[in-house]
Amino acid sequence: MNRGIAETTGRYVLALNPDCRLEPDFAATLAARLDARPDVGSASGRIFRAEGKSLGPTEMLDSAGIYLTITGRHFDRGSSRPADGSYLAEEEIFGASGAAGFYRREALESAKISTGYFDSDFFLYREDADLAWRLQNLGWKCLYVPTAVAYHRRRNLPQRRASMSSEVNMHSVKNRFLLRINNQSRADFAATLLPTLARDAVVVGACLTVERSSLPAFSWLWRHRKRLWAKRREIRDKIEARRNRMVELRADS
């Protein structure tokens, strides 16, 4: 995905999964909305669940964008629920689903770090939430546009964790902590300390008992700790520089 973005030249970028199918006006609809909102750095459409090799549409929602919980978990809004007239209002949300994420190039360039637009340390899963959080910290908004419709055949869901490969689950655990290392401010950490630690205890306990194949996630984090903290400083420096720049622009205007 990072290599693909680097090869593009337009003012917008569509990051599309191969198991996602779009209505013909999907990109045009989102581009029109972002043209009217220069403060919006990304957008997410109304994504329905697809089935079969032909990615046939269903009446089940797959994602109306992603949201972040107080314990640092992220979920797709409306996932696995009947569409049934829900999520029909345009609104600002936390972030765009990586299945069909739509991004302003200026926002992506402002968020690019040493490991890419999408942080390559994640390897798989949660990288869309990481980018969404970074964009939020940089002051970019994300817009949910329900008139932009797509269909996604989702294979990985929390309730299917037991059937996923050990490698996938290990990266899921690793990326849970990496997501916070990259993006959580000290103030956010303090404000969510108790519920976050409670959830962490559940994760660590599961790794010590029923999912021991995910224990390498913690050794990976420890081995790379110096580089990860250096990357965190890189991200915090970008956030501070952008905030200072925005203050200067407001003062000039």
C-alpha atoms as a PDB file:
ATOM      1  CA  MET A   1       0.000   0.000   0.000  1.00  0.00           C
ATOM      2  CA  ASN A   2       2.820   2.404   0.839  1.00  0.00           C
ATOM      3  CA  ARG A   3       4.523   1.722  -2.472  1.00  0.00           C
ATOM      4  CA  GLY A   4       1.257   2.240  -4.315  1.00  0.00           C
ATOM      5  CA  ILE A   5       0.591   5.577  -2.614  1.00  0.00           C
ATOM      6  CA  ALA A   6       4.110   6.730  -3.494  1.00  0.00           C
ATOM      7  CA  GLU A   7       3.390   6.047  -7.169  1.00  0.00           C
ATOM      8  CA  THR A   8       0.182   8.101  -7.275  1.00  0.00           C
ATOM      9  CA  THR A   9      -0.039  11.788  -8.180  1.00  0.00           C
ATOM     10  CA  GLY A  10      -3.654  12.890  -7.658  1.00  0.00           C
ATOM     11  CA  ARG A  11      -4.963  15.091  -4.870  1.00  0.00           C
ATOM     12  CA  TYR A  12      -6.798  12.091  -3.370  1.00  0.00           C
ATOM     13  CA  VAL A  13      -5.803   8.488  -2.723  1.00  0.00           C
ATOM     14  CA  LEU A  14      -8.105   5.474  -2.456  1.00  0.00           C
ATOM     15  CA  ALA A  15      -6.636   2.610  -0.402  1.00  0.00           C
ATOM     16  CA  LEU A  16      -8.668  -0.377  -1.551  1.00  0.00           C
ATOM     17  CA  ASN A  17      -8.584  -3.985  -0.388  1.00  0.00           C
ATOM     18  CA  PRO A  18      -8.766  -6.640  -3.133  1.00  0.00           C
ATOM     19  CA  ASP A  19     -11.882  -8.158  -1.546  1.00  0.00           C
ATOM     20  CA  CYS A  20     -13.832  -4.894  -1.723  1.00  0.00           C
ATOM     21  CA  ARG A  21     -16.107  -3.777  -4.589  1.00  0.00           C
ATOM     22  CA  LEU A  22     -17.248  -0.195  -5.130  1.00  0.00           C
ATOM     23  CA  GLU A  23     -20.307   1.411  -6.634  1.00  0.00           C
ATOM     24  CA  PRO A  24     -19.204   3.366  -9.742  1.00  0.00           C
ATOM     25  CA  ASP A  25     -19.590   6.782  -8.084  1.00  0.00           C
ATOM     26  CA  PHE A  26     -17.838   5.872  -4.808  1.00  0.00           C
ATOM     27  CA  ALA A  27     -14.622   7.836  -5.346  1.00  0.00           C
ATOM     28  CA  ALA A  28     -16.342  10.759  -7.092  1.00  0.00           C
ATOM     29  CA  THR A  29     -18.808  11.131  -4.215  1.00  0.00           C
ATOM     30  CA  LEU A  30     -16.054  11.259  -1.597  1.00  0.00           C
ATOM     31  CA  ALA A  31     -13.873  13.573  -3.686  1.00  0.00           C
ATOM     32  CA  ALA A  32     -16.750  16.031  -4.019  1.00  0.00           C
ATOM     33  CA  ARG A  33     -17.282  16.120  -0.264  1.00  0.00           C
ATOM     34  CA  LEU A  34     -13.580  16.599   0.471  1.00  0.00           C
ATOM     35  CA  ASP A  35     -13.405  19.343  -2.147  1.00  0.00           C
ATOM     36  CA  ALA A  36     -15.934  21.213  -0.015  1.00  0.00           C
ATOM     37  CA  ARG A  37     -14.177  20.477   3.300  1.00  0.00           C
ATOM     38  CA  PRO A  38     -10.468  21.390   3.276  1.00  0.00           C
ATOM     39  CA  ASP A  39     -10.270  20.474   6.976  1.00  0.00           C
ATOM     40  CA  VAL A  40     -11.143  16.842   6.212  1.00  0.00           C
ATOM     41  CA  GLY A  41      -8.163  14.574   5.613  1.00  0.00           C
ATOM     42  CA  SER A  42      -9.956  11.258   5.081  1.00  0.00           C
ATOM     43  CA  ALA A  43     -13.380   9.803   4.429  1.00  0.00           C
ATOM     44  CA  SER A  44     -15.236   6.518   4.750  1.00  0.00           C
ATOM     45  CA  GLY A  45     -18.303   5.346   2.881  1.00  0.00           C
ATOM     46  CA  ARG A  46     -21.178   3.045   3.825  1.00  0.00           C
ATOM     47  CA  ILE A  47     -19.662  -0.399   3.353  1.00  0.00           C
ATOM     48  CA  PHE A  48     -21.901  -3.447   3.196  1.00  0.00           C
ATOM     49  CA  ARG A  49     -20.786  -7.010   3.820  1.00  0.00           C
ATOM     50  CA  ALA A  50     -20.132  -8.964   0.611  1.00  0.00           C
ATOM     51  CA  GLU A  51     -20.192 -12.709   0.093  1.00  0.00           C
ATOM     52  CA  GLY A  52     -18.757 -15.209  -2.347  1.00  0.00           C
ATOM     53  CA  LYS A  53     -16.010 -14.861  -4.923  1.00  0.00           C
ATOM     54  CA  SER A  54     -18.152 -12.398  -6.882  1.00  0.00           C
ATOM     55  CA  LEU A  55     -18.396 -10.148  -3.799  1.00  0.00           C
ATOM     56  CA  GLY A  56     -22.145 -10.221  -3.986  1.00  0.00           C
ATOM     57  CA  PRO A  57     -23.924  -7.552  -1.893  1.00  0.00           C
ATOM     58  CA  THR A  58     -25.798  -8.370   1.305  1.00  0.00           C
ATOM     59  CA  GLU A  59     -28.066  -6.334   3.578  1.00  0.00           C
ATOM     60  CA  MET A  60     -25.525  -6.586   6.407  1.00  0.00           C
ATOM     61  CA  LEU A  61     -23.269  -3.670   7.266  1.00  0.00           C
ATOM     62  CA  ASP A  62     -19.519  -4.168   7.269  1.00  0.00           C
ATOM     63  CA  SER A  63     -18.340  -0.704   8.265  1.00  0.00           C
ATOM     64  CA  ALA A  64     -19.613   2.834   8.640  1.00  0.00           C
ATOM     65  CA  GLY A  65     -16.122   3.973   9.597  1.00  0.00           C
ATOM     66  CA  ILE A  66     -14.148   3.071  12.696  1.00  0.00           C
ATOM     67  CA  TYR A  67     -14.340   4.252  16.291  1.00  0.00           C
ATOM     68  CA  LEU A  68     -11.971   3.994  19.234  1.00  0.00           C
ATOM     69  CA  THR A  69     -12.964   2.818  22.712  1.00  0.00           C
ATOM     70  CA  ILE A  70     -11.694   4.084  26.050  1.00  0.00           C
ATOM     71  CA  THR A  71      -9.570   0.925  26.388  1.00  0.00           C
ATOM     72  CA  GLY A  72      -7.740   1.556  23.128  1.00  0.00           C
ATOM     73  CA  ARG A  73      -9.710  -0.936  21.068  1.00  0.00           C
ATOM     74  CA  HIS A  74     -11.136   0.019  17.703  1.00  0.00           C
ATOM     75  CA  PHE A  75     -14.148  -1.355  15.890  1.00  0.00           C
ATOM     76  CA  ASP A  76     -16.072  -0.830  12.691  1.00  0.00           C
ATOM     77  CA  ARG A  77     -19.319   0.998  13.319  1.00  0.00           C
ATOM     78  CA  GLY A  78     -22.328  -1.149  12.523  1.00  0.00           C
ATOM     79  CA  SER A  79     -20.252  -4.238  11.747  1.00  0.00           C
ATOM     80  CA  SER A  80     -22.296  -7.439  11.285  1.00  0.00           C
ATOM     81  CA  ARG A  81     -25.593  -5.637  11.860  1.00  0.00           C
ATOM     82  CA  PRO A  82     -28.513  -5.422   9.428  1.00  0.00           C
ATOM     83  CA  ALA A  83     -28.297  -2.158   7.483  1.00  0.00           C
ATOM     84  CA  ASP A  84     -32.004  -1.532   8.099  1.00  0.00           C
ATOM     85  CA  GLY A  85     -31.893   2.216   7.553  1.00  0.00           C
ATOM     86  CA  SER A  86     -29.043   2.834  10.007  1.00  0.00           C
ATOM     87  CA  TYR A  87     -26.005   5.076   9.575  1.00  0.00           C
ATOM     88  CA  LEU A  88     -27.668   7.247   6.943  1.00  0.00           C
ATOM     89  CA  ALA A  89     -26.433  10.619   8.211  1.00  0.00           C
ATOM     90  CA  GLU A  90     -23.208  12.250   7.113  1.00  0.00           C
ATOM     91  CA  GLU A  91     -21.034  12.918  10.154  1.00  0.00           C
ATOM     92  CA  GLU A  92     -17.510  13.263  11.449  1.00  0.00           C
ATOM     93  CA  ILE A  93     -15.994  10.019  12.767  1.00  0.00           C
ATOM     94  CA  PHE A  94     -12.711   8.770  14.197  1.00  0.00           C
ATOM     95  CA  GLY A  95     -11.336   7.190  11.050  1.00  0.00           C
ATOM     96  CA  ALA A  96     -11.809   5.489   7.702  1.00  0.00           C
ATOM     97  CA  SER A  97     -11.998   1.734   7.310  1.00  0.00           C
ATOM     98  CA  GLY A  98      -8.912   0.402   5.553  1.00  0.00           C
ATOM     99  CA  ALA A  99     -11.104  -1.729   3.300  1.00  0.00           C
ATOM    100  CA  ALA A 100     -11.807   1.371   1.207  1.00  0.00           C
ATOM    101  CA  GLY A 101     -10.137   4.321   2.877  1.00  0.00           C
ATOM    102  CA  PHE A 102     -10.214   7.625   1.023  1.00  0.00           C
ATOM    103  CA  TYR A 103      -7.460  10.143   1.850  1.00  0.00           C
ATOM    104  CA  ARG A 104      -6.441  13.655   0.941  1.00  0.00           C
ATOM    105  CA  ARG A 105      -2.873  13.553  -0.343  1.00  0.00           C
ATOM    106  CA  GLU A 106      -1.899  16.583   1.726  1.00  0.00           C
ATOM    107  CA  ALA A 107      -3.085  14.767   4.851  1.00  0.00           C
ATOM    108  CA  LEU A 108      -1.165  11.618   3.964  1.00  0.00           C
ATOM    109  CA  GLU A 109       2.017  13.570   3.345  1.00  0.00           C
ATOM    110  CA  SER A 110       1.654  15.350   6.670  1.00  0.00           C
ATOM    111  CA  ALA A 111       1.202  11.978   8.419  1.00  0.00           C
ATOM    112  CA  LYS A 112       4.007  10.096   6.661  1.00  0.00           C
ATOM    113  CA  ILE A 113       6.657   8.757   9.023  1.00  0.00           C
ATOM    114  CA  SER A 114       9.882   6.787   8.629  1.00  0.00           C
ATOM    115  CA  THR A 115       7.903   3.526   8.353  1.00  0.00           C
ATOM    116  CA  GLY A 116       5.494   4.842   5.720  1.00  0.00           C
ATOM    117  CA  TYR A 117       2.052   6.366   5.381  1.00  0.00           C
ATOM    118  CA  PHE A 118       0.686   3.143   6.845  1.00  0.00           C
ATOM    119  CA  ASP A 119       3.176   2.137   9.551  1.00  0.00           C
ATOM    120  CA  SER A 120       4.896  -0.975   8.170  1.00  0.00           C
ATOM    121  CA  ASP A 121       5.671  -2.161  11.717  1.00  0.00           C
ATOM    122  CA  PHE A 122       2.035  -3.241  11.953  1.00  0.00           C
ATOM    123  CA  PHE A 123       2.544  -5.669   9.044  1.00  0.00           C
ATOM    124  CA  LEU A 124      -1.152  -6.583   9.021  1.00  0.00           C
ATOM    125  CA  TYR A 125      -4.284  -5.343  10.774  1.00  0.00           C
ATOM    126  CA  ARG A 126      -4.899  -2.187  12.821  1.00  0.00           C
ATOM    127  CA  GLU A 127      -2.763  -0.081  10.485  1.00  0.00           C
ATOM    128  CA  ASP A 128      -5.868   1.815   9.359  1.00  0.00           C
ATOM    129  CA  ALA A 129      -6.686   2.716  12.974  1.00  0.00           C
ATOM    130  CA  ASP A 130      -3.086   3.831  13.505  1.00  0.00           C
ATOM    131  CA  LEU A 131      -3.230   6.157  10.502  1.00  0.00           C
ATOM    132  CA  ALA A 132      -6.659   7.423  11.586  1.00  0.00           C
ATOM    133  CA  TRP A 133      -5.367   8.264  15.080  1.00  0.00           C
ATOM    134  CA  ARG A 134      -2.265   9.956  13.688  1.00  0.00           C
ATOM    135  CA  LEU A 135      -4.385  12.076  11.332  1.00  0.00           C
ATOM    136  CA  GLN A 136      -6.661  13.044  14.228  1.00  0.00           C
ATOM    137  CA  ASN A 137      -3.656  14.092  16.307  1.00  0.00           C
ATOM    138  CA  LEU A 138      -2.425  16.159  13.377  1.00  0.00           C
ATOM    139  CA  GLY A 139      -5.726  18.028  13.309  1.00  0.00           C
ATOM    140  CA  TRP A 140      -7.332  16.365  10.286  1.00  0.00           C
ATOM    141  CA  LYS A 141     -10.990  15.378  10.446  1.00  0.00           C
ATOM    142  CA  CYS A 142     -12.570  12.225   9.001  1.00  0.00           C
ATOM    143  CA  LEU A 143     -15.968  12.301   7.310  1.00  0.00           C
ATOM    144  CA  TYR A 144     -18.486   9.486   6.989  1.00  0.00           C
ATOM    145  CA  VAL A 145     -20.422   9.807   3.720  1.00  0.00           C
ATOM    146  CA  PRO A 146     -23.259   7.240   3.474  1.00  0.00           C
ATOM    147  CA  THR A 147     -23.987   7.974  -0.197  1.00  0.00           C
ATOM    148  CA  ALA A 148     -20.602   6.445  -1.095  1.00  0.00           C
ATOM    149  CA  VAL A 149     -21.369   2.711  -1.137  1.00  0.00           C
ATOM    150  CA  ALA A 150     -19.046  -0.303  -1.241  1.00  0.00           C
ATOM    151  CA  TYR A 151     -19.132  -4.047  -0.481  1.00  0.00           C
ATOM    152  CA  HIS A 152     -16.451  -5.884   1.491  1.00  0.00           C
ATOM    153  CA  ARG A 153     -15.967  -9.597   2.082  1.00  0.00           C
ATOM    154  CA  ARG A 154     -14.603  -9.579   5.619  1.00  0.00           C
ATOM    155  CA  ARG A 155     -12.794 -12.696   6.803  1.00  0.00           C
ATOM    156  CA  ASN A 156     -11.408 -11.603  10.158  1.00  0.00           C
ATOM    157  CA  LEU A 157     -13.794 -10.740  12.972  1.00  0.00           C
ATOM    158  CA  PRO A 158     -13.305 -10.782  16.760  1.00  0.00           C
ATOM    159  CA  GLN A 159     -15.681 -13.727  17.114  1.00  0.00           C
ATOM    160  CA  ARG A 160     -13.586 -15.731  14.634  1.00  0.00           C
ATOM    161  CA  ARG A 161     -10.329 -15.276  16.520  1.00  0.00           C
ATOM    162  CA  ALA A 162     -10.064 -18.935  17.521  1.00  0.00           C
ATOM    163  CA  SER A 163     -10.062 -19.965  13.848  1.00  0.00           C
ATOM    164  CA  MET A 164      -7.469 -17.402  12.727  1.00  0.00           C
ATOM    165  CA  SER A 165      -3.840 -18.317  12.179  1.00  0.00           C
ATOM    166  CA  SER A 166      -1.410 -17.944  15.076  1.00  0.00           C
ATOM    167  CA  GLU A 167       0.597 -15.372  13.094  1.00  0.00           C
ATOM    168  CA  VAL A 168      -2.456 -13.177  12.549  1.00  0.00           C
ATOM    169  CA  ASN A 169      -3.365 -13.317  16.240  1.00  0.00           C
ATOM    170  CA  MET A 170       0.198 -12.561  17.307  1.00  0.00           C
ATOM    171  CA  HIS A 171       0.297  -9.423  15.156  1.00  0.00           C
ATOM    172  CA  SER A 172      -3.104  -8.436  16.507  1.00  0.00           C
ATOM    173  CA  VAL A 173      -1.735  -8.505  20.068  1.00  0.00           C
ATOM    174  CA  LYS A 174       1.500  -6.745  19.102  1.00  0.00           C
ATOM    175  CA  ASN A 175      -0.363  -4.035  17.213  1.00  0.00           C
ATOM    176  CA  ARG A 176      -2.730  -3.374  20.116  1.00  0.00           C
ATOM    177  CA  PHE A 177       0.220  -2.019  22.092  1.00  0.00           C
ATOM    178  CA  LEU A 178       1.997  -0.503  19.097  1.00  0.00           C
ATOM    179  CA  LEU A 179      -1.130   1.539  18.342  1.00  0.00           C
ATOM    180  CA  ARG A 180      -0.906   3.200  21.756  1.00  0.00           C
ATOM    181  CA  ILE A 181       2.874   3.636  21.658  1.00  0.00           C
ATOM    182  CA  ASN A 182       2.524   5.559  18.418  1.00  0.00           C
ATOM    183  CA  ASN A 183      -0.451   7.731  19.229  1.00  0.00           C
ATOM    184  CA  GLN A 184      -1.582   7.946  22.825  1.00  0.00           C
ATOM    185  CA  SER A 185      -0.680  11.165  24.601  1.00  0.00           C
ATOM    186  CA  ARG A 186       0.310  11.173  28.250  1.00  0.00           C
ATOM    187  CA  ALA A 187      -2.961  12.918  29.092  1.00  0.00           C
ATOM    188  CA  ASP A 188      -4.994  10.244  27.275  1.00  0.00           C
ATOM    189  CA  PHE A 189      -3.000   7.514  28.993  1.00  0.00           C
ATOM    190  CA  ALA A 190      -3.695   8.991  32.419  1.00  0.00           C
ATOM    191  CA  ALA A 191      -7.391   9.528  31.671  1.00  0.00           C
ATOM    192  CA  THR A 192      -7.941   5.946  30.481  1.00  0.00           C
ATOM    193  CA  LEU A 193      -5.421   4.187  32.731  1.00  0.00           C
ATOM    194  CA  LEU A 194      -7.734   1.936  34.754  1.00  0.00           C
ATOM    195  CA  PRO A 195      -9.954   0.579  31.941  1.00  0.00           C
ATOM    196  CA  THR A 196      -6.932   0.198  29.665  1.00  0.00           C
ATOM    197  CA  LEU A 197      -4.941  -1.751  32.244  1.00  0.00           C
ATOM    198  CA  ALA A 198      -7.962  -3.954  32.916  1.00  0.00           C
ATOM    199  CA  ARG A 199      -8.198  -4.814  29.228  1.00  0.00           C
ATOM    200  CA  ASP A 200      -4.427  -5.324  29.016  1.00  0.00           C
ATOM    201  CA  ALA A 201      -4.648  -7.792  31.889  1.00  0.00           C
ATOM    202  CA  VAL A 202      -7.225  -9.790  29.939  1.00  0.00           C
ATOM    203  CA  VAL A 203      -4.998  -9.808  26.845  1.00  0.00           C
ATOM    204  CA  VAL A 204      -1.866 -10.846  28.754  1.00  0.00           C
ATOM    205  CA  GLY A 205      -3.804 -13.490  30.675  1.00  0.00           C
ATOM    206  CA  ALA A 206      -5.137 -14.977  27.438  1.00  0.00           C
ATOM    207  CA  CYS A 207      -1.624 -15.076  25.974  1.00  0.00           C
ATOM    208  CA  LEU A 208      -0.343 -16.907  29.052  1.00  0.00           C
ATOM    209  CA  THR A 209      -3.121 -19.497  28.945  1.00  0.00           C
ATOM    210  CA  VAL A 210      -5.272 -20.121  25.867  1.00  0.00           C
ATOM    211  CA  GLU A 211      -3.248 -18.294  23.179  1.00  0.00           C
ATOM    212  CA  ARG A 212       0.404 -18.863  24.002  1.00  0.00           C
ATOM    213  CA  SER A 213       1.289 -18.577  20.308  1.00  0.00           C
ATOM    214  CA  SER A 214       0.804 -14.804  20.693  1.00  0.00           C
ATOM    215  CA  LEU A 215       3.489 -14.438  23.389  1.00  0.00           C
ATOM    216  CA  PRO A 216       6.147 -13.493  20.764  1.00  0.00           C
ATOM    217  CA  ALA A 217       4.259 -10.186  20.416  1.00  0.00           C
ATOM    218  CA  PHE A 218       5.761  -9.041  23.711  1.00  0.00           C
ATOM    219  CA  SER A 219       9.305 -10.106  22.857  1.00  0.00           C
ATOM    220  CA  TRP A 220       8.994  -8.246  19.529  1.00  0.00           C
ATOM    221  CA  LEU A 221       7.953  -5.078  21.332  1.00  0.00           C
ATOM    222  CA  TRP A 222      10.828  -5.428  23.810  1.00  0.00           C
ATOM    223  CA  ARG A 223      13.467  -6.091  21.116  1.00  0.00           C
ATOM    224  CA  HIS A 224      12.407  -3.029  19.141  1.00  0.00           C
ATOM    225  CA  ARG A 225      11.671  -0.760  22.106  1.00  0.00           C
ATOM    226  CA  LYS A 226      14.372   1.829  21.382  1.00  0.00           C
ATOM    227  CA  ARG A 227      13.369   2.200  17.746  1.00  0.00           C
ATOM    228  CA  LEU A 228       9.674   2.330  18.660  1.00  0.00           C
ATOM    229  CA  TRP A 229      10.220   5.112  21.187  1.00  0.00           C
ATOM    230  CA  ALA A 230      12.316   7.001  18.637  1.00  0.00           C
ATOM    231  CA  LYS A 231       9.439   6.675  16.182  1.00  0.00           C
ATOM    232  CA  ARG A 232       7.031   7.928  18.833  1.00  0.00           C
ATOM    233  CA  ARG A 233       9.194  11.012  19.253  1.00  0.00           C
ATOM    234  CA  GLU A 234       9.170  11.462  15.483  1.00  0.00           C
ATOM    235  CA  ILE A 235       5.359  11.387  15.486  1.00  0.00           C
ATOM    236  CA  ARG A 236       5.046  13.745  18.460  1.00  0.00           C
ATOM    237  CA  ASP A 237       7.464  16.179  16.775  1.00  0.00           C
ATOM    238  CA  LYS A 238       5.311  16.162  13.621  1.00  0.00           C
ATOM    239  CA  ILE A 239       2.186  16.844  15.688  1.00  0.00           C
ATOM    240  CA  GLU A 240       3.845  19.724  17.524  1.00  0.00           C
ATOM    241  CA  ALA A 241       5.202  21.226  14.303  1.00  0.00           C
ATOM    242  CA  ARG A 242       1.801  21.071  12.612  1.00  0.00           C
ATOM    243  CA  ARG A 243       0.066  22.644  15.608  1.00  0.00           C
ATOM    244  CA  ASN A 244       2.579  25.474  15.616  1.00  0.00           C
ATOM    245  CA  ARG A 245       2.073  25.938  11.897  1.00  0.00           C
ATOM    246  CA  MET A 246      -1.705  26.106  12.301  1.00  0.00           C
ATOM    247  CA  VAL A 247      -1.314  28.719  15.020  1.00  0.00           C
ATOM    248  CA  GLU A 248       0.895  30.792  12.713  1.00  0.00           C
ATOM    249  CA  LEU A 249      -1.622  30.536   9.869  1.00  0.00           C
ATOM    250  CA  ARG A 250      -4.473  31.637  12.106  1.00  0.00           C
ATOM    251  CA  ALA A 251      -2.400  34.560  13.356  1.00  0.00           C
ATOM    252  CA  ASP A 252      -1.578  35.645   9.797  1.00  0.00           C
ATOM    253  CA  SER A 253      -5.229  35.489   8.761  1.00  0.00           C
END
